[in-house]
Amino acid sequence: MFRSLDAYAEALLDAAEELGAAHVGIGTDMAGLSSSAIPDYDRFPALEALLARRV
């Protein structure tokens, strides 16, 4: 589990670098875990902005 949206974005970028972007997907945990970095779909624009700034 990722403690923050920044940590999740960093892990996605690391995975894309290691595996290639075509092999990395964005997943969520909509099972209601309160510690999820993306507890609902409202956080996707913020994740998109983080990723766009880092590539």
Protein backbone atom coordinates (compact mmCIF):
# COMPACT_ATOMS: atom_id res chain seq x y z
CA MET A 1 0.00 0.00 0.00
CA PHE A 2 1.19 3.53 -0.70
CA ARG A 3 1.10 6.14 2.05
CA SER A 4 0.45 9.04 -0.32
CA LEU A 5 -0.50 9.94 -3.86
CA ASP A 6 3.09 11.11 -4.42
CA ALA A 7 4.43 7.70 -3.41
CA TYR A 8 1.94 5.98 -5.72
CA ALA A 9 2.95 8.22 -8.64
CA GLU A 10 6.62 7.53 -7.96
CA ALA A 11 6.00 3.77 -7.93
CA LEU A 12 4.12 3.97 -11.24
CA LEU A 13 6.98 5.89 -12.84
CA ASP A 14 9.55 3.45 -11.45
CA ALA A 15 7.58 0.51 -12.82
CA ALA A 16 7.23 2.19 -16.23
CA GLU A 17 10.97 2.77 -16.34
CA GLU A 18 11.74 -0.85 -15.45
CA LEU A 19 9.02 -2.62 -17.44
CA GLY A 20 7.97 -0.12 -20.10
CA ALA A 21 4.88 2.06 -19.95
CA ALA A 22 2.85 -0.40 -22.02
CA HIS A 23 3.11 -2.91 -19.17
CA VAL A 24 2.02 -0.69 -16.27
CA GLY A 25 -1.57 -0.11 -15.24
CA ILE A 26 -3.19 2.16 -12.71
CA GLY A 27 -5.20 0.30 -10.11
CA THR A 28 -7.27 1.40 -7.18
CA ASP A 29 -8.54 -0.22 -4.06
CA MET A 30 -12.20 0.64 -3.98
CA ALA A 31 -12.83 -1.98 -1.29
CA GLY A 32 -13.00 0.75 1.30
CA LEU A 33 -9.54 0.55 2.80
CA SER A 34 -9.03 3.86 4.54
CA SER A 35 -5.28 3.91 3.96
CA SER A 36 -5.47 3.71 0.18
CA ALA A 37 -3.64 6.46 -1.76
CA ILE A 38 -6.66 6.57 -4.08
CA PRO A 39 -9.73 5.97 -1.92
CA ASP A 40 -12.10 7.17 -4.67
CA TYR A 41 -12.06 8.26 -8.29
CA ASP A 42 -11.96 11.95 -7.37
CA ARG A 43 -8.19 11.60 -6.86
CA PHE A 44 -7.42 10.64 -10.48
CA PRO A 45 -6.99 14.25 -11.72
CA ALA A 46 -4.43 14.86 -8.96
CA LEU A 47 -2.58 11.66 -9.90
CA GLU A 48 -2.63 12.66 -13.56
CA ALA A 49 -1.17 16.07 -12.68
CA LEU A 50 1.61 14.48 -10.60
CA LEU A 51 2.55 12.11 -13.39
CA ALA A 52 2.48 14.85 -16.04
CA ARG A 53 4.87 17.00 -14.01
CA ARG A 54 7.37 14.17 -13.60
CA VAL A 55 7.66 12.89 -17.17
